Amino acid sequence: MFVMHKRTCDLLEVMVLEDLYDPCKSYITARSHSGEEMQDPETFLKSELMFPSGERFPRCWVDAHYQHASA
């Protein structure tokens, strides 16, 4: 799965998909797809990422207490 880095607009390939939708994890490991050579995996804050369409991640992916928060 690919996500986009908000600041650089680089596409990132998520290495461990479960980390992306685990609300208890604030970081994921991903590989940038910028440049001509394959990049080494790096750690990224989920708060700095979004879907390539520009949409934010669902709240249940980033907030472990999303069911208890007031609407």
Protein backbone atom coordinates (compact mmCIF):
# COMPACT_ATOMS: atom_id res chain seq x y z
CA MET A 1 0.00 0.00 0.00
CA PHE A 2 1.17 3.50 -0.75
CA VAL A 3 0.70 6.64 1.34
CA MET A 4 1.89 10.21 0.82
CA HIS A 5 4.19 12.28 3.02
CA LYS A 6 2.38 15.59 3.65
CA ARG A 7 5.45 17.86 3.60
CA THR A 8 7.29 16.42 0.59
CA CYS A 9 4.39 14.82 -1.32
CA ASP A 10 6.61 11.75 -1.82
CA LEU A 11 4.87 8.40 -2.24
CA LEU A 12 5.84 5.90 0.45
CA GLU A 13 5.42 2.14 0.31
CA VAL A 14 4.25 0.86 3.70
CA MET A 15 6.42 -2.07 4.78
CA VAL A 16 4.18 -3.48 7.57
CA LEU A 17 0.54 -2.80 6.77
CA GLU A 18 -0.67 -3.72 10.26
CA ASP A 19 1.34 -0.81 11.73
CA LEU A 20 -0.61 1.61 9.55
CA TYR A 21 -4.02 0.75 10.96
CA ASP A 22 -2.88 -0.01 14.52
CA PRO A 23 -4.01 3.07 16.52
CA CYS A 24 -1.46 2.31 19.26
CA LYS A 25 1.47 2.86 16.88
CA SER A 26 2.38 6.42 15.99
CA TYR A 27 5.17 5.44 13.58
CA ILE A 28 5.33 3.23 10.52
CA THR A 29 8.22 1.89 8.45
CA ALA A 30 8.02 2.80 4.78
CA ARG A 31 10.20 3.10 1.70
CA SER A 32 10.19 6.30 -0.34
CA HIS A 33 9.57 6.01 -4.06
CA SER A 34 11.33 9.21 -5.02
CA GLY A 35 14.42 9.15 -7.19
CA GLU A 36 15.62 6.44 -9.52
CA GLU A 37 17.07 3.96 -7.01
CA MET A 38 15.21 1.89 -4.44
CA GLN A 39 15.38 3.73 -1.10
CA ASP A 40 16.11 2.12 2.26
CA PRO A 41 13.16 1.79 4.67
CA GLU A 42 12.74 4.70 7.11
CA THR A 43 10.49 5.46 10.06
CA PHE A 44 7.72 8.05 9.60
CA LEU A 45 5.19 9.58 11.98
CA LYS A 46 1.66 8.63 10.97
CA SER A 47 0.58 12.21 11.66
CA GLU A 48 2.83 13.32 8.76
CA LEU A 49 1.13 10.97 6.28
CA MET A 50 -2.10 10.81 4.31
CA PHE A 51 -3.66 8.85 1.48
CA PRO A 52 -2.34 9.72 -2.01
CA SER A 53 -5.77 11.24 -2.74
CA GLY A 54 -5.15 13.84 -0.03
CA GLU A 55 -7.58 12.32 2.48
CA ARG A 56 -6.64 11.92 6.12
CA PHE A 57 -6.39 8.48 7.70
CA PRO A 58 -9.50 7.27 9.53
CA ARG A 59 -9.55 8.30 13.17
CA CYS A 60 -9.58 4.66 14.29
CA TRP A 61 -6.10 4.27 12.68
CA VAL A 62 -4.51 7.12 14.66
CA ASP A 63 -6.44 7.44 17.95
CA ALA A 64 -6.57 4.41 20.28
CA HIS A 65 -9.36 6.09 22.28
CA TYR A 66 -11.53 7.12 19.33
CA GLN A 67 -14.61 5.30 20.70
CA HIS A 68 -14.42 7.15 24.03
CA ALA A 69 -13.94 10.67 22.67
CA SER A 70 -16.91 12.98 22.48
CA ALA A 71 -18.19 13.63 18.99
